[in-house]
Amino acid sequence: MDVSQRINAFVQLGHFLSQYKSTGISKKEEIPYNDLFFDGFKNQIKLAQEHNGWFTQENILFSIAGWTALLTRDTLQKWIQVYPEINTASSPQKKIAVIMAGNIPLVGFHDFLSVLISGHSFIGKQSSNDRDLLPFLAKYLEYVEPSFKGRILFTDDQLPEHDAVIATGSDNTARYFEYYFGKKPHIIRKNRNSVAVLTGNETDQQLIGLAEDIFRYYGLGCRNVSKLYVPKDYNFDAFFNAIYSWKDIINQAKYANNYDYNKAVYLMSLFDLLENGFLMLKEDENFGSPIATLFYETYDSMNALQSQLDINTDKIQCIVSNGFRESEIAFGQTQRPSLEDYADGVDTIEFLLKI
């Protein structure tokens, strides 16, 4: 199976996923193997919601829409054209074990795609929080490209023999991963959070976009903004006005429970808070804020802030801003990454091609 066949298979998977939209799930007659898979994937979406209270249909379909947009022939070809050696990977060269997080729907799909598109075999160990969607899509992939059969394995047990590891987890689990997998080629990802730098000159649309960066997936993703940097004496009124459209998030029971608990803890500790009934702002030097809380910190100068963030680059996934630095993410775009936006800035394809 050459790279063009692998690309074609994922393009077909993109066509299949295009039936599952936030505006409605609708069957298309021209999709191959739809009679076998269409209703089954609807059921997997339902099971994912029942299994994990954070996985609402809205958020699952948002994730699916993101992958539908990326799994096109033009996008995939543009992505891999910078890796000419990928064209020689016509057979599975290595067995890659991928240990996945489970914080947002299909969070491990990029690693799944990267392993297979580079010609390797995939061994997946999923989080119990996100176990329903990806194995089903893998079965569809095997139908549209039978050469994938035998190259994709999901396991809940001890990992079988493998040649390299990609593992995503917390700082604590990363130490465990380093101990067990440190002698093999590996990518081991730790805790990271995303931040936004505000100047006070943001437009209403930019702040509305920032609300998406904060609240999408209830703030559980490493690309969700969990901290703001604002100038001294920043007026938060425009920010609170812009995020008001997300007010109904408090009606989600798990989110509301976190809001109530964290608010009680903060008040008992006599912390100063800004809050609007569904989000609390707390001044704090840390990067990872609890659910329903957003940390903020003030700055005196842009240059000093640049230096501060450079020192902490290993803790930051995305920086959202407008004209602050070259590698910034535009407001509202953190949960719409491109294929080239590798987690922790580590080029997964380059790693896989050099094993």
Foldseek 3Di string as FASTA:
>chain_A
DFLVLLLVLLLLLLVLLVQQAPVDRDDDPPRPPCVPAVVVLVVLLVVLCVQAVLSDSNQQRVLSVLSSVQSHSVNVCVVCVVPVCLRVLGAADWEEEEEDDQLGEPRVVLVVSLQVSSHHAYEYEYDSSHDRNVVSSLVSSCVSPVVNVVRYHYDPDPDDDTQEYEYEDEPVVLVVCCVPHVVHHYHYAYAAAAEEEDELPDDLVLLLLLLLLACRSLNRDRLRHQEYEYAPPRDCPSNCVSNVVVLCVCVSVVLVVQQVVVVVVCVVVVFDWDDDNQAIEGADPDGHDTRRYHYYHYDDDLVVVVVVCVVVLSRHLAYEYDPSDDRHDHRNCSSNDRSCSDGSNDRSNVSSSVD
